Amino acid sequence: MSNPTHVQEYNAIVEVLNKYCEGGVKANSALMQPAFNEKATMFGVDDNDQLVGGPIQGLYDIIDTSFKPSPEAKAAIVRIDIVGTAASARVDTDNISGLRFTDFFNLLKVEGKWTIVSKIYHTHANA
């Protein structure tokens, strides 16, 4: 089918987000890397109220060195908004390596494939 339906696009984005979640749960960035565009970025605010982040490699480094496998983690895709080749999504994750996050993703469909081009996040005070 040359014109994917909204449901097909939605399901393709869910697959991308699930790759991200799987990599976090298993503390293995190699599982989440296919979800991200190689030019992707990630930003958040640290405990000192300072902007932190940059190229997505920083996320991979944190996942591989600071996270531990978290089979008890739970994630929920709260929303996905799609307009043509652009989309945004929110994912809430509980108890991933003892932390609780809300992630906001921007995705683009390039050459027929959805990938995350940016991530911003909030780390909640309690797991």
PDB file of N, CA and C in Angstrom:
ATOM      1  N   MET A   1       0.846  -1.182   0.000  1.00  0.00           N
ATOM      2  CA  MET A   1       0.000   0.000   0.000  1.00  0.00           C
ATOM      3  C   MET A   1       0.888   1.240   0.000  1.00  0.00           C
ATOM      4  N   SER A   2       0.698   2.128  -0.943  1.00  0.00           N
ATOM      5  CA  SER A   2       1.555   3.303  -1.064  1.00  0.00           C
ATOM      6  C   SER A   2       1.155   4.427  -0.112  1.00  0.00           C
ATOM      7  N   ASN A   3      -0.083   4.447   0.329  1.00  0.00           N
ATOM      8  CA  ASN A   3      -0.550   5.456   1.278  1.00  0.00           C
ATOM      9  C   ASN A   3      -0.925   4.787   2.590  1.00  0.00           C
ATOM     10  N   PRO A   4       0.014   4.725   3.549  1.00  0.00           N
ATOM     11  CA  PRO A   4      -0.306   4.074   4.816  1.00  0.00           C
ATOM     12  C   PRO A   4      -1.444   4.789   5.527  1.00  0.00           C
ATOM     13  N   THR A   5      -2.251   4.042   6.247  1.00  0.00           N
ATOM     14  CA  THR A   5      -3.342   4.622   7.017  1.00  0.00           C
ATOM     15  C   THR A   5      -2.803   5.167   8.335  1.00  0.00           C
ATOM     16  N   HIS A   6      -3.626   5.945   9.007  1.00  0.00           N
ATOM     17  CA  HIS A   6      -3.241   6.480  10.309  1.00  0.00           C
ATOM     18  C   HIS A   6      -2.917   5.333  11.271  1.00  0.00           C
ATOM     19  N   VAL A   7      -3.691   4.266  11.231  1.00  0.00           N
ATOM     20  CA  VAL A   7      -3.457   3.125  12.114  1.00  0.00           C
ATOM     21  C   VAL A   7      -2.093   2.494  11.823  1.00  0.00           C
ATOM     22  N   GLN A   8      -1.742   2.359  10.563  1.00  0.00           N
ATOM     23  CA  GLN A   8      -0.437   1.791  10.208  1.00  0.00           C
ATOM     24  C   GLN A   8       0.699   2.693  10.695  1.00  0.00           C
ATOM     25  N   GLU A   9       0.542   3.988  10.526  1.00  0.00           N
ATOM     26  CA  GLU A   9       1.571   4.928  10.992  1.00  0.00           C
ATOM     27  C   GLU A   9       1.689   4.874  12.516  1.00  0.00           C
ATOM     28  N   TYR A  10       0.545   4.862  13.188  1.00  0.00           N
ATOM     29  CA  TYR A  10       0.522   4.778  14.644  1.00  0.00           C
ATOM     30  C   TYR A  10       1.255   3.516  15.115  1.00  0.00           C
ATOM     31  N   ASN A  11       0.934   2.381  14.523  1.00  0.00           N
ATOM     32  CA  ASN A  11       1.564   1.124  14.915  1.00  0.00           C
ATOM     33  C   ASN A  11       3.061   1.120  14.637  1.00  0.00           C
ATOM     34  N   ALA A  12       3.486   1.755  13.554  1.00  0.00           N
ATOM     35  CA  ALA A  12       4.918   1.847  13.247  1.00  0.00           C
ATOM     36  C   ALA A  12       5.634   2.684  14.305  1.00  0.00           C
ATOM     37  N   ILE A  13       5.003   3.744  14.766  1.00  0.00           N
ATOM     38  CA  ILE A  13       5.593   4.580  15.817  1.00  0.00           C
ATOM     39  C   ILE A  13       5.636   3.820  17.137  1.00  0.00           C
ATOM     40  N   VAL A  14       4.598   3.065  17.447  1.00  0.00           N
ATOM     41  CA  VAL A  14       4.603   2.235  18.661  1.00  0.00           C
ATOM     42  C   VAL A  14       5.779   1.264  18.630  1.00  0.00           C
ATOM     43  N   GLU A  15       6.072   0.678  17.488  1.00  0.00           N
ATOM     44  CA  GLU A  15       7.224  -0.231  17.368  1.00  0.00           C
ATOM     45  C   GLU A  15       8.523   0.490  17.703  1.00  0.00           C
ATOM     46  N   VAL A  16       8.680   1.723  17.212  1.00  0.00           N
ATOM     47  CA  VAL A  16       9.883   2.509  17.506  1.00  0.00           C
ATOM     48  C   VAL A  16       9.974   2.779  19.003  1.00  0.00           C
ATOM     49  N   LEU A  17       8.885   3.206  19.610  1.00  0.00           N
ATOM     50  CA  LEU A  17       8.889   3.512  21.038  1.00  0.00           C
ATOM     51  C   LEU A  17       9.148   2.262  21.874  1.00  0.00           C
ATOM     52  N   ASN A  18       8.639   1.128  21.429  1.00  0.00           N
ATOM     53  CA  ASN A  18       8.885  -0.120  22.155  1.00  0.00           C
ATOM     54  C   ASN A  18      10.359  -0.518  22.118  1.00  0.00           C
ATOM     55  N   LYS A  19      11.062  -0.213  21.024  1.00  0.00           N
ATOM     56  CA  LYS A  19      12.507  -0.476  20.964  1.00  0.00           C
ATOM     57  C   LYS A  19      13.229   0.356  22.021  1.00  0.00           C
ATOM     58  N   TYR A  20      12.839   1.613  22.126  1.00  0.00           N
ATOM     59  CA  TYR A  20      13.419   2.491  23.143  1.00  0.00           C
ATOM     60  C   TYR A  20      13.189   1.898  24.537  1.00  0.00           C
ATOM     61  N   CYS A  21      11.946   1.521  24.820  1.00  0.00           N
ATOM     62  CA  CYS A  21      11.604   0.980  26.137  1.00  0.00           C
ATOM     63  C   CYS A  21      12.362  -0.311  26.426  1.00  0.00           C
ATOM     64  N   GLU A  22      12.459  -1.190  25.452  1.00  0.00           N
ATOM     65  CA  GLU A  22      13.163  -2.456  25.644  1.00  0.00           C
ATOM     66  C   GLU A  22      14.626  -2.221  26.005  1.00  0.00           C
ATOM     67  N   GLY A  23      15.268  -1.291  25.320  1.00  0.00           N
ATOM     68  CA  GLY A  23      16.660  -0.982  25.619  1.00  0.00           C
ATOM     69  C   GLY A  23      16.848  -0.482  27.038  1.00  0.00           C
ATOM     70  N   GLY A  24      15.900   0.330  27.517  1.00  0.00           N
ATOM     71  CA  GLY A  24      15.970   0.816  28.889  1.00  0.00           C
ATOM     72  C   GLY A  24      15.746  -0.281  29.906  1.00  0.00           C
ATOM     73  N   VAL A  25      14.740  -1.120  29.678  1.00  0.00           N
ATOM     74  CA  VAL A  25      14.424  -2.212  30.596  1.00  0.00           C
ATOM     75  C   VAL A  25      15.592  -3.192  30.701  1.00  0.00           C
ATOM     76  N   LYS A  26      16.229  -3.478  29.575  1.00  0.00           N
ATOM     77  CA  LYS A  26      17.324  -4.444  29.564  1.00  0.00           C
ATOM     78  C   LYS A  26      18.687  -3.793  29.785  1.00  0.00           C
ATOM     79  N   ALA A  27      18.704  -2.453  29.965  1.00  0.00           N
ATOM     80  CA  ALA A  27      19.951  -1.701  30.167  1.00  0.00           C
ATOM     81  C   ALA A  27      20.952  -2.013  29.062  1.00  0.00           C
ATOM     82  N   ASN A  28      20.463  -1.947  27.815  1.00  0.00           N
ATOM     83  CA  ASN A  28      21.280  -2.289  26.650  1.00  0.00           C
ATOM     84  C   ASN A  28      20.962  -1.298  25.533  1.00  0.00           C
ATOM     85  N   SER A  29      21.840  -0.337  25.340  1.00  0.00           N
ATOM     86  CA  SER A  29      21.569   0.707  24.348  1.00  0.00           C
ATOM     87  C   SER A  29      21.494   0.168  22.923  1.00  0.00           C
ATOM     88  N   ALA A  30      22.145  -0.946  22.645  1.00  0.00           N
ATOM     89  CA  ALA A  30      22.112  -1.508  21.292  1.00  0.00           C
ATOM     90  C   ALA A  30      20.686  -1.855  20.878  1.00  0.00           C
ATOM     91  N   LEU A  31      19.822  -2.174  21.851  1.00  0.00           N
ATOM     92  CA  LEU A  31      18.431  -2.502  21.540  1.00  0.00           C
ATOM     93  C   LEU A  31      17.614  -1.256  21.185  1.00  0.00           C
ATOM     94  N   MET A  32      17.997  -0.101  21.750  1.00  0.00           N
ATOM     95  CA  MET A  32      17.236   1.120  21.485  1.00  0.00           C
ATOM     96  C   MET A  32      17.794   1.947  20.334  1.00  0.00           C
ATOM     97  N   GLN A  33      19.028   1.737  19.964  1.00  0.00           N
ATOM     98  CA  GLN A  33      19.647   2.569  18.933  1.00  0.00           C
ATOM     99  C   GLN A  33      18.867   2.592  17.616  1.00  0.00           C
ATOM    100  N   PRO A  34      18.260   1.483  17.169  1.00  0.00           N
ATOM    101  CA  PRO A  34      17.498   1.559  15.914  1.00  0.00           C
ATOM    102  C   PRO A  34      16.293   2.512  15.979  1.00  0.00           C
ATOM    103  N   ALA A  35      15.848   2.869  17.179  1.00  0.00           N
ATOM    104  CA  ALA A  35      14.726   3.788  17.327  1.00  0.00           C
ATOM    105  C   ALA A  35      15.107   5.229  17.020  1.00  0.00           C
ATOM    106  N   PHE A  36      16.405   5.544  17.101  1.00  0.00           N
ATOM    107  CA  PHE A  36      16.871   6.917  16.987  1.00  0.00           C
ATOM    108  C   PHE A  36      17.562   7.190  15.660  1.00  0.00           C
ATOM    109  N   ASN A  37      17.341   8.382  15.150  1.00  0.00           N
ATOM    110  CA  ASN A  37      18.113   8.879  14.025  1.00  0.00           C
ATOM    111  C   ASN A  37      19.535   9.139  14.513  1.00  0.00           C
ATOM    112  N   GLU A  38      20.521   8.937  13.662  1.00  0.00           N
ATOM    113  CA  GLU A  38      21.910   9.136  14.089  1.00  0.00           C
ATOM    114  C   GLU A  38      22.201  10.582  14.487  1.00  0.00           C
ATOM    115  N   LYS A  39      21.354  11.529  14.068  1.00  0.00           N
ATOM    116  CA  LYS A  39      21.541  12.940  14.420  1.00  0.00           C
ATOM    117  C   LYS A  39      20.685  13.358  15.618  1.00  0.00           C
ATOM    118  N   ALA A  40      20.041  12.406  16.287  1.00  0.00           N
ATOM    119  CA  ALA A  40      19.124  12.704  17.383  1.00  0.00           C
ATOM    120  C   ALA A  40      19.829  13.377  18.560  1.00  0.00           C
ATOM    121  N   THR A  41      19.028  14.089  19.336  1.00  0.00           N
ATOM    122  CA  THR A  41      19.515  14.761  20.542  1.00  0.00           C
ATOM    123  C   THR A  41      18.633  14.392  21.730  1.00  0.00           C
ATOM    124  N   MET A  42      19.171  14.651  22.933  1.00  0.00           N
ATOM    125  CA  MET A  42      18.439  14.413  24.167  1.00  0.00           C
ATOM    126  C   MET A  42      18.778  15.534  25.145  1.00  0.00           C
ATOM    127  N   PHE A  43      17.757  16.069  25.800  1.00  0.00           N
ATOM    128  CA  PHE A  43      17.962  17.122  26.783  1.00  0.00           C
ATOM    129  C   PHE A  43      17.033  16.941  27.969  1.00  0.00           C
ATOM    130  N   GLY A  44      17.490  17.404  29.128  1.00  0.00           N
ATOM    131  CA  GLY A  44      16.706  17.417  30.345  1.00  0.00           C
ATOM    132  C   GLY A  44      17.259  18.471  31.282  1.00  0.00           C
ATOM    133  N   VAL A  45      16.719  18.514  32.489  1.00  0.00           N
ATOM    134  CA  VAL A  45      17.155  19.456  33.516  1.00  0.00           C
ATOM    135  C   VAL A  45      17.652  18.635  34.701  1.00  0.00           C
ATOM    136  N   ASP A  46      18.879  18.923  35.171  1.00  0.00           N
ATOM    137  CA  ASP A  46      19.459  18.136  36.266  1.00  0.00           C
ATOM    138  C   ASP A  46      18.986  18.649  37.631  1.00  0.00           C
ATOM    139  N   ASP A  47      19.508  18.026  38.690  1.00  0.00           N
ATOM    140  CA  ASP A  47      19.122  18.378  40.062  1.00  0.00           C
ATOM    141  C   ASP A  47      19.481  19.806  40.440  1.00  0.00           C
ATOM    142  N   ASN A  48      20.411  20.422  39.706  1.00  0.00           N
ATOM    143  CA  ASN A  48      20.810  21.802  39.958  1.00  0.00           C
ATOM    144  C   ASN A  48      20.077  22.788  39.070  1.00  0.00           C
ATOM    145  N   ASP A  49      18.987  22.328  38.432  1.00  0.00           N
ATOM    146  CA  ASP A  49      18.159  23.157  37.562  1.00  0.00           C
ATOM    147  C   ASP A  49      18.916  23.635  36.320  1.00  0.00           C
ATOM    148  N   GLN A  50      19.867  22.817  35.863  1.00  0.00           N
ATOM    149  CA  GLN A  50      20.685  23.164  34.698  1.00  0.00           C
ATOM    150  C   GLN A  50      20.319  22.270  33.509  1.00  0.00           C
ATOM    151  N   LEU A  51      20.346  22.846  32.323  1.00  0.00           N
ATOM    152  CA  LEU A  51      20.109  22.090  31.101  1.00  0.00           C
ATOM    153  C   LEU A  51      21.269  21.129  30.874  1.00  0.00           C
ATOM    154  N   VAL A  52      20.952  19.869  30.621  1.00  0.00           N
ATOM    155  CA  VAL A  52      21.962  18.858  30.312  1.00  0.00           C
ATOM    156  C   VAL A  52      21.529  18.094  29.070  1.00  0.00           C
ATOM    157  N   GLY A  53      22.512  17.610  28.319  1.00  0.00           N
ATOM    158  CA  GLY A  53      22.189  16.794  27.155  1.00  0.00           C
ATOM    159  C   GLY A  53      23.075  17.123  25.986  1.00  0.00           C
ATOM    160  N   GLY A  54      22.612  16.691  24.816  1.00  0.00           N
ATOM    161  CA  GLY A  54      23.358  16.875  23.584  1.00  0.00           C
ATOM    162  C   GLY A  54      23.091  15.718  22.652  1.00  0.00           C
ATOM    163  N   PRO A  55      24.114  15.255  21.934  1.00  0.00           N
ATOM    164  CA  PRO A  55      23.929  14.139  21.009  1.00  0.00           C
ATOM    165  C   PRO A  55      23.420  12.888  21.732  1.00  0.00           C
ATOM    166  N   ILE A  56      22.655  12.077  21.031  1.00  0.00           N
ATOM    167  CA  ILE A  56      22.006  10.904  21.608  1.00  0.00           C
ATOM    168  C   ILE A  56      23.004   9.892  22.158  1.00  0.00           C
ATOM    169  N   GLN A  57      24.254   9.945  21.733  1.00  0.00           N
ATOM    170  CA  GLN A  57      25.267   9.037  22.271  1.00  0.00           C
ATOM    171  C   GLN A  57      25.339   9.136  23.791  1.00  0.00           C
ATOM    172  N   GLY A  58      25.051  10.312  24.336  1.00  0.00           N
ATOM    173  CA  GLY A  58      25.040  10.476  25.783  1.00  0.00           C
ATOM    174  C   GLY A  58      24.040   9.554  26.466  1.00  0.00           C
ATOM    175  N   LEU A  59      22.869   9.371  25.849  1.00  0.00           N
ATOM    176  CA  LEU A  59      21.879   8.432  26.390  1.00  0.00           C
ATOM    177  C   LEU A  59      22.427   7.015  26.365  1.00  0.00           C
ATOM    178  N   TYR A  60      23.016   6.631  25.243  1.00  0.00           N
ATOM    179  CA  TYR A  60      23.553   5.276  25.130  1.00  0.00           C
ATOM    180  C   TYR A  60      24.607   5.024  26.202  1.00  0.00           C
ATOM    181  N   ASP A  61      25.464   6.002  26.441  1.00  0.00           N
ATOM    182  CA  ASP A  61      26.513   5.853  27.448  1.00  0.00           C
ATOM    183  C   ASP A  61      25.913   5.669  28.840  1.00  0.00           C
ATOM    184  N   ILE A  62      24.889   6.450  29.167  1.00  0.00           N
ATOM    185  CA  ILE A  62      24.236   6.338  30.478  1.00  0.00           C
ATOM    186  C   ILE A  62      23.569   4.980  30.627  1.00  0.00           C
ATOM    187  N   ILE A  63      22.840   4.554  29.612  1.00  0.00           N
ATOM    188  CA  ILE A  63      22.150   3.260  29.660  1.00  0.00           C
ATOM    189  C   ILE A  63      23.155   2.142  29.912  1.00  0.00           C
ATOM    190  N   ASP A  64      24.266   2.157  29.193  1.00  0.00           N
ATOM    191  CA  ASP A  64      25.233   1.059  29.270  1.00  0.00           C
ATOM    192  C   ASP A  64      26.109   1.081  30.516  1.00  0.00           C
ATOM    193  N   THR A  65      26.285   2.249  31.141  1.00  0.00           N
ATOM    194  CA  THR A  65      27.193   2.321  32.287  1.00  0.00           C
ATOM    195  C   THR A  65      26.495   2.529  33.630  1.00  0.00           C
ATOM    196  N   SER A  66      25.332   3.182  33.636  1.00  0.00           N
ATOM    197  CA  SER A  66      24.694   3.543  34.904  1.00  0.00           C
ATOM    198  C   SER A  66      23.395   2.799  35.188  1.00  0.00           C
ATOM    199  N   PHE A  67      22.768   2.236  34.173  1.00  0.00           N
ATOM    200  CA  PHE A  67      21.499   1.551  34.378  1.00  0.00           C
ATOM    201  C   PHE A  67      21.741   0.063  34.622  1.00  0.00           C
ATOM    202  N   LYS A  68      20.784  -0.562  35.298  1.00  0.00           N
ATOM    203  CA  LYS A  68      20.817  -2.008  35.490  1.00  0.00           C
ATOM    204  C   LYS A  68      19.527  -2.583  34.894  1.00  0.00           C
ATOM    205  N   PRO A  69      19.543  -3.832  34.461  1.00  0.00           N
ATOM    206  CA  PRO A  69      18.308  -4.426  33.942  1.00  0.00           C
ATOM    207  C   PRO A  69      17.175  -4.278  34.948  1.00  0.00           C
ATOM    208  N   SER A  70      16.000  -3.951  34.438  1.00  0.00           N
ATOM    209  CA  SER A  70      14.848  -3.658  35.293  1.00  0.00           C
ATOM    210  C   SER A  70      13.610  -4.399  34.784  1.00  0.00           C
ATOM    211  N   PRO A  71      13.552  -5.713  34.977  1.00  0.00           N
ATOM    212  CA  PRO A  71      12.411  -6.464  34.459  1.00  0.00           C
ATOM    213  C   PRO A  71      11.080  -6.044  35.075  1.00  0.00           C
ATOM    214  N   GLU A  72      11.122  -5.376  36.229  1.00  0.00           N
ATOM    215  CA  GLU A  72       9.900  -4.927  36.889  1.00  0.00           C
ATOM    216  C   GLU A  72       9.391  -3.587  36.343  1.00  0.00           C
ATOM    217  N   ALA A  73      10.138  -2.946  35.474  1.00  0.00           N
ATOM    218  CA  ALA A  73       9.751  -1.634  34.934  1.00  0.00           C
ATOM    219  C   ALA A  73       8.459  -1.734  34.138  1.00  0.00           C
ATOM    220  N   LYS A  74       7.689  -0.659  34.186  1.00  0.00           N
ATOM    221  CA  LYS A  74       6.440  -0.553  33.428  1.00  0.00           C
ATOM    222  C   LYS A  74       6.470   0.742  32.641  1.00  0.00           C
ATOM    223  N   ALA A  75       6.050   0.669  31.386  1.00  0.00           N
ATOM    224  CA  ALA A  75       6.004   1.866  30.548  1.00  0.00           C
ATOM    225  C   ALA A  75       4.616   1.990  29.932  1.00  0.00           C
ATOM    226  N   ALA A  76       4.194   3.228  29.743  1.00  0.00           N
ATOM    227  CA  ALA A  76       2.915   3.509  29.099  1.00  0.00           C
ATOM    228  C   ALA A  76       3.121   4.574  28.033  1.00  0.00           C
ATOM    229  N   ILE A  77       2.659   4.283  26.839  1.00  0.00           N
ATOM    230  CA  ILE A  77       2.625   5.305  25.788  1.00  0.00           C
ATOM    231  C   ILE A  77       1.370   6.122  26.056  1.00  0.00           C
ATOM    232  N   VAL A  78       1.581   7.346  26.498  1.00  0.00           N
ATOM    233  CA  VAL A  78       0.471   8.192  26.927  1.00  0.00           C
ATOM    234  C   VAL A  78      -0.238   8.816  25.732  1.00  0.00           C
ATOM    235  N   ARG A  79       0.540   9.220  24.735  1.00  0.00           N
ATOM    236  CA  ARG A  79      -0.076   9.807  23.545  1.00  0.00           C
ATOM    237  C   ARG A  79       0.879   9.742  22.371  1.00  0.00           C
ATOM    238  N   ILE A  80       0.278   9.754  21.196  1.00  0.00           N
ATOM    239  CA  ILE A  80       1.014   9.881  19.942  1.00  0.00           C
ATOM    240  C   ILE A  80       0.198  10.812  19.058  1.00  0.00           C
ATOM    241  N   ASP A  81       0.839  11.856  18.549  1.00  0.00           N
ATOM    242  CA  ASP A  81       0.210  12.772  17.601  1.00  0.00           C
ATOM    243  C   ASP A  81       0.976  12.676  16.290  1.00  0.00           C
ATOM    244  N   ILE A  82       0.240  12.505  15.190  1.00  0.00           N
ATOM    245  CA  ILE A  82       0.867  12.329  13.878  1.00  0.00           C
ATOM    246  C   ILE A  82       0.258  13.314  12.895  1.00  0.00           C
ATOM    247  N   VAL A  83       1.136  14.008  12.161  1.00  0.00           N
ATOM    248  CA  VAL A  83       0.714  14.865  11.051  1.00  0.00           C
ATOM    249  C   VAL A  83       1.702  14.624   9.916  1.00  0.00           C
ATOM    250  N   GLY A  84       1.265  13.912   8.884  1.00  0.00           N
ATOM    251  CA  GLY A  84       2.130  13.641   7.740  1.00  0.00           C
ATOM    252  C   GLY A  84       3.377  12.887   8.148  1.00  0.00           C
ATOM    253  N   THR A  85       4.545  13.500   7.937  1.00  0.00           N
ATOM    254  CA  THR A  85       5.820  12.853   8.244  1.00  0.00           C
ATOM    255  C   THR A  85       6.389  13.271   9.602  1.00  0.00           C
ATOM    256  N   ALA A  86       5.599  13.967  10.404  1.00  0.00           N
ATOM    257  CA  ALA A  86       6.038  14.419  11.726  1.00  0.00           C
ATOM    258  C   ALA A  86       5.128  13.835  12.799  1.00  0.00           C
ATOM    259  N   ALA A  87       5.719  13.536  13.950  1.00  0.00           N
ATOM    260  CA  ALA A  87       4.934  13.002  15.061  1.00  0.00           C
ATOM    261  C   ALA A  87       5.593  13.383  16.378  1.00  0.00           C
ATOM    262  N   SER A  88       4.786  13.380  17.429  1.00  0.00           N
ATOM    263  CA  SER A  88       5.308  13.543  18.774  1.00  0.00           C
ATOM    264  C   SER A  88       4.658  12.480  19.650  1.00  0.00           C
ATOM    265  N   ALA A  89       5.360  12.118  20.718  1.00  0.00           N
ATOM    266  CA  ALA A  89       4.853  11.076  21.603  1.00  0.00           C
ATOM    267  C   ALA A  89       5.310  11.345  23.027  1.00  0.00           C
ATOM    268  N   ARG A  90       4.527  10.836  23.974  1.00  0.00           N
ATOM    269  CA  ARG A  90       4.887  10.896  25.392  1.00  0.00           C
ATOM    270  C   ARG A  90       4.886   9.467  25.928  1.00  0.00           C
ATOM    271  N   VAL A  91       5.951   9.122  26.662  1.00  0.00           N
ATOM    272  CA  VAL A  91       6.055   7.815  27.304  1.00  0.00           C
ATOM    273  C   VAL A  91       6.388   8.042  28.770  1.00  0.00           C
ATOM    274  N   ASP A  92       5.600   7.443  29.663  1.00  0.00           N
ATOM    275  CA  ASP A  92       5.880   7.468  31.094  1.00  0.00           C
ATOM    276  C   ASP A  92       6.411   6.094  31.490  1.00  0.00           C
ATOM    277  N   THR A  93       7.511   6.083  32.248  1.00  0.00           N
ATOM    278  CA  THR A  93       8.135   4.834  32.657  1.00  0.00           C
ATOM    279  C   THR A  93       8.327   4.843  34.166  1.00  0.00           C
ATOM    280  N   ASP A  94       7.904   3.763  34.805  1.00  0.00           N
ATOM    281  CA  ASP A  94       8.073   3.594  36.248  1.00  0.00           C
ATOM    282  C   ASP A  94       9.107   2.519  36.533  1.00  0.00           C
ATOM    283  N   ASN A  95       9.946   2.796  37.520  1.00  0.00           N
ATOM    284  CA  ASN A  95      10.886   1.843  38.090  1.00  0.00           C
ATOM    285  C   ASN A  95      11.874   1.282  37.073  1.00  0.00           C
ATOM    286  N   ILE A  96      12.425   2.165  36.280  1.00  0.00           N
ATOM    287  CA  ILE A  96      13.493   1.750  35.366  1.00  0.00           C
ATOM    288  C   ILE A  96      14.809   2.099  36.048  1.00  0.00           C
ATOM    289  N   SER A  97      15.516   1.077  36.445  1.00  0.00           N
ATOM    290  CA  SER A  97      16.751   1.234  37.208  1.00  0.00           C
ATOM    291  C   SER A  97      16.491   2.088  38.461  1.00  0.00           C
ATOM    292  N   GLY A  98      15.304   1.892  39.055  1.00  0.00           N
ATOM    293  CA  GLY A  98      14.930   2.600  40.279  1.00  0.00           C
ATOM    294  C   GLY A  98      14.456   4.022  40.080  1.00  0.00           C
ATOM    295  N   LEU A  99      14.282   4.447  38.842  1.00  0.00           N
ATOM    296  CA  LEU A  99      13.869   5.824  38.535  1.00  0.00           C
ATOM    297  C   LEU A  99      12.522   5.848  37.827  1.00  0.00           C
ATOM    298  N   ARG A 100      11.915   7.041  37.815  1.00  0.00           N
ATOM    299  CA  ARG A 100      10.648   7.243  37.108  1.00  0.00           C
ATOM    300  C   ARG A 100      10.822   8.437  36.175  1.00  0.00           C
ATOM    301  N   PHE A 101      10.481   8.239  34.896  1.00  0.00           N
ATOM    302  CA  PHE A 101      10.686   9.254  33.865  1.00  0.00           C
ATOM    303  C   PHE A 101       9.413   9.555  33.099  1.00  0.00           C
ATOM    304  N   THR A 102       9.327  10.772  32.598  1.00  0.00           N
ATOM    305  CA  THR A 102       8.409  11.132  31.531  1.00  0.00           C
ATOM    306  C   THR A 102       9.277  11.611  30.379  1.00  0.00           C
ATOM    307  N   ASP A 103       9.117  10.958  29.227  1.00  0.00           N
ATOM    308  CA  ASP A 103       9.884  11.293  28.031  1.00  0.00           C
ATOM    309  C   ASP A 103       8.951  11.857  26.976  1.00  0.00           C
ATOM    310  N   PHE A 104       9.409  12.911  26.307  1.00  0.00           N
ATOM    311  CA  PHE A 104       8.710  13.472  25.160  1.00  0.00           C
ATOM    312  C   PHE A 104       9.605  13.288  23.944  1.00  0.00           C
ATOM    313  N   PHE A 105       9.053  12.692  22.901  1.00  0.00           N
ATOM    314  CA  PHE A 105       9.816  12.387  21.695  1.00  0.00           C
ATOM    315  C   PHE A 105       9.254  13.139  20.500  1.00  0.00           C
ATOM    316  N   ASN A 106      10.132  13.591  19.619  1.00  0.00           N
ATOM    317  CA  ASN A 106       9.760  14.080  18.296  1.00  0.00           C
ATOM    318  C   ASN A 106      10.293  13.064  17.302  1.00  0.00           C
ATOM    319  N   LEU A 107       9.442  12.655  16.371  1.00  0.00           N
ATOM    320  CA  LEU A 107       9.802  11.668  15.372  1.00  0.00           C
ATOM    321  C   LEU A 107       9.555  12.222  13.983  1.00  0.00           C
ATOM    322  N   LEU A 108      10.348  11.770  13.034  1.00  0.00           N
ATOM    323  CA  LEU A 108      10.151  12.102  11.628  1.00  0.00           C
ATOM    324  C   LEU A 108      10.185  10.817  10.811  1.00  0.00           C
ATOM    325  N   LYS A 109       9.388  10.808   9.763  1.00  0.00           N
ATOM    326  CA  LYS A 109       9.393   9.680   8.836  1.00  0.00           C
ATOM    327  C   LYS A 109      10.256  10.078   7.648  1.00  0.00           C
ATOM    328  N   VAL A 110      11.439   9.468   7.574  1.00  0.00           N
ATOM    329  CA  VAL A 110      12.410   9.779   6.531  1.00  0.00           C
ATOM    330  C   VAL A 110      12.636   8.512   5.713  1.00  0.00           C
ATOM    331  N   GLU A 111      12.504   8.629   4.412  1.00  0.00           N
ATOM    332  CA  GLU A 111      12.682   7.491   3.510  1.00  0.00           C
ATOM    333  C   GLU A 111      11.848   6.298   3.961  1.00  0.00           C
ATOM    334  N   GLY A 112      10.614   6.580   4.386  1.00  0.00           N
ATOM    335  CA  GLY A 112       9.666   5.532   4.742  1.00  0.00           C
ATOM    336  C   GLY A 112       9.821   4.935   6.125  1.00  0.00           C
ATOM    337  N   LYS A 113      10.712   5.501   6.961  1.00  0.00           N
ATOM    338  CA  LYS A 113      10.980   4.924   8.271  1.00  0.00           C
ATOM    339  C   LYS A 113      10.853   5.986   9.364  1.00  0.00           C
ATOM    340  N   TRP A 114      10.094   5.659  10.416  1.00  0.00           N
ATOM    341  CA  TRP A 114       9.973   6.549  11.562  1.00  0.00           C
ATOM    342  C   TRP A 114      11.187   6.393  12.467  1.00  0.00           C
ATOM    343  N   THR A 115      11.771   7.515  12.883  1.00  0.00           N
ATOM    344  CA  THR A 115      12.837   7.496  13.882  1.00  0.00           C
ATOM    345  C   THR A 115      12.672   8.689  14.813  1.00  0.00           C
ATOM    346  N   ILE A 116      13.196   8.535  16.004  1.00  0.00           N
ATOM    347  CA  ILE A 116      13.194   9.614  16.985  1.00  0.00           C
ATOM    348  C   ILE A 116      14.331  10.563  16.633  1.00  0.00           C
ATOM    349  N   VAL A 117      14.003  11.860  16.510  1.00  0.00           N
ATOM    350  CA  VAL A 117      15.035  12.852  16.220  1.00  0.00           C
ATOM    351  C   VAL A 117      15.377  13.697  17.444  1.00  0.00           C
ATOM    352  N   SER A 118      14.482  13.694  18.440  1.00  0.00           N
ATOM    353  CA  SER A 118      14.807  14.391  19.682  1.00  0.00           C
ATOM    354  C   SER A 118      13.994  13.820  20.840  1.00  0.00           C
ATOM    355  N   LYS A 119      14.623  13.898  22.003  1.00  0.00           N
ATOM    356  CA  LYS A 119      14.002  13.440  23.242  1.00  0.00           C
ATOM    357  C   LYS A 119      14.262  14.491  24.295  1.00  0.00           C
ATOM    358  N   ILE A 120      13.216  14.897  25.020  1.00  0.00           N
ATOM    359  CA  ILE A 120      13.399  15.667  26.244  1.00  0.00           C
ATOM    360  C   ILE A 120      12.747  14.843  27.355  1.00  0.00           C
ATOM    361  N   TYR A 121      13.235  15.017  28.566  1.00  0.00           N
ATOM    362  CA  TYR A 121      12.745  14.166  29.633  1.00  0.00           C
ATOM    363  C   TYR A 121      12.651  14.918  30.944  1.00  0.00           C
ATOM    364  N   HIS A 122      11.835  14.340  31.833  1.00  0.00           N
ATOM    365  CA  HIS A 122      11.729  14.798  33.219  1.00  0.00           C
ATOM    366  C   HIS A 122      11.941  13.574  34.099  1.00  0.00           C
ATOM    367  N   THR A 123      12.839  13.704  35.076  1.00  0.00           N
ATOM    368  CA  THR A 123      13.048  12.640  36.059  1.00  0.00           C
ATOM    369  C   THR A 123      12.227  12.991  37.286  1.00  0.00           C
ATOM    370  N   HIS A 124      11.319  12.106  37.663  1.00  0.00           N
ATOM    371  CA  HIS A 124      10.453  12.345  38.825  1.00  0.00           C
ATOM    372  C   HIS A 124      11.213  12.086  40.114  1.00  0.00           C
ATOM    373  N   ALA A 125      10.773  12.702  41.192  1.00  0.00           N
ATOM    374  CA  ALA A 125      11.470  12.606  42.464  1.00  0.00           C
ATOM    375  C   ALA A 125      11.436  11.203  43.060  1.00  0.00           C
ATOM    376  N   ASN A 126      10.356  10.472  42.865  1.00  0.00           N
ATOM    377  CA  ASN A 126      10.232   9.137  43.470  1.00  0.00           C
ATOM    378  C   ASN A 126      10.033   8.075  42.411  1.00  0.00           C
ATOM    379  N   ALA A 127      10.622   6.892  42.643  1.00  0.00           N
ATOM    380  CA  ALA A 127      10.391   5.739  41.757  1.00  0.00           C
ATOM    381  C   ALA A 127       9.096   5.145  42.155  1.00  0.00           C
TER     382      ALA A 127
END
